[in-house]
Structure formats: C-alpha cells, structure tokens
Amino acid sequence: MSTSNLAIIAAVFAVTLGPANSVTTTVAPMQVKLVLECNVTQGTAAIFAEADCDQKLQQIVVRDPSGADVFKSWVAGERGLGLQGFKFETSEGTAAEVLANYPEGNYLIQARTTTTSGALGTAYLSHRILRPVTITYPLNGAVNVPSTGLVLTWTPTADAAGYQIILEQGDSDGLKIDMPPGCHSLTVPDGFLRSRTHTTFEVMAEAQNGNRTAIEVEFTTL
C-alpha cells in the first residue's frame, strides 16, 4: 500500500473509530490471516481470523469486501493498555450459510492504537477448499479397535500443504499433531488410548491458501 493511501486512511480514522489518543499520523501495519474451515462429516463451516501488530490495539473494526462491519471490539479505559493482536472464530453454520455471510474477497482490518494514529491490515478470504482425505483405518463405526499398536491411516489429498490429526476420547484434551504433506499414517503412542472407549479420529487437510477441510470417524477401542 502506498504512503499516500496510508495517509488518507490515517486521516479518516477519527471519523471511523473516534478521537485519537496520539497526535502522530503514523499508521502501523497489521499481519492478518483469514481461514475457512469446513467439516465434511458434520456438514458445518466457520471462519477463523487472526491478527498481530507491534502496537497496542484499543479499537478494532473488521470490514468485509462490501465495506460492511463484521466484527468490532473496544478495550475499555484510557490507561495506555491494549491488545497486541486478536483471534476470533465465527459460530458454526452450514457451508452455504457461512459462505453467504462471509463473501470471498479482501477484508479490511482497522484499529486505533495507543501510540500511533492507527493500525491497518488486509486479508483475502478464499472460498476454495481441498477435497477431504479418505480415512482407511479405522473405518467409521468400527469396534474392537486395538488400543495399543494402533496405526491410523488415510489417503492423502493432492496439493495439501499439510495435515492436522486430532484424536479424542470423551472429554479428554486428546492428541493433536501437525504433519507435513505426503504423510498418510500415524502410530498412536501406547498407553494414550483407554480400552473400551468411544473415540473420534479427525484428519484436517490444509490447502496452500490456509483453508482447512476436515473429515472424521468414530470407533470403539478393544
């Protein structure tokens, strides 16, 4: 973004975000990421947003490609404290609902800071996702799956940037591992799984654009 454009944005911050705490006109950059996550098994989707800045943020506004506000946040008080960044996740909905409410395109993130005229970042939200992997073992609904010596397997998805494997039993925190592209199996550490317990195994494929496609199976250990 050019210096002249940043100056124009700094000038309108007083209108869009209220009175400034600083007399400078410096606009700080923000690193922003938007991710679409779809769970094929559950038929749900959600948007994840993350932003980081080296300035302390006090007032934050996220606008969609049409300029409509989709998120606002304020840090109470004038004590010089603020957020170094933020993360948020939308509520889950069907894929059609989420795509309709969060259109594809460039999103603008503006923030008032404690030391500059503001912070600015943009991120492109893509609706393009990968096909899910095919889980080959265990299959959904399987019973008497060994709790020791268990090797989870799946067929990789073309063009995946990597995978996240999630294994849960009941309300436990479970196992969450990031794996590189091309991987198609994971050996579960002995002693991690309880016997005769309902278990969920999820594989999330990450696209080059950061979007994630999840699929899961449920099984019962021996």
Foldseek 3Di string as FASTA:
>chain_A
DDPVVLQVVLVCCCVVPNDALEPASDAWEKDKAKAWEAEPAVQKIKIKIKIATQFFFAWKFKAAPVRHTDDIDGDDDLPQHHDRMDMDMDDMDGLVVRCVVHPFAKMKMWTHGNYHSTYIYIYTYDPDDFDEWAWDPPAAAAEAAALAQDKTFIHFTPQFQWKWKFKDFDPDPGDIDIGGGPDTMDGDHRPRDDAQTKMKIKMWTAHPSGYIYMYMHIYHHD
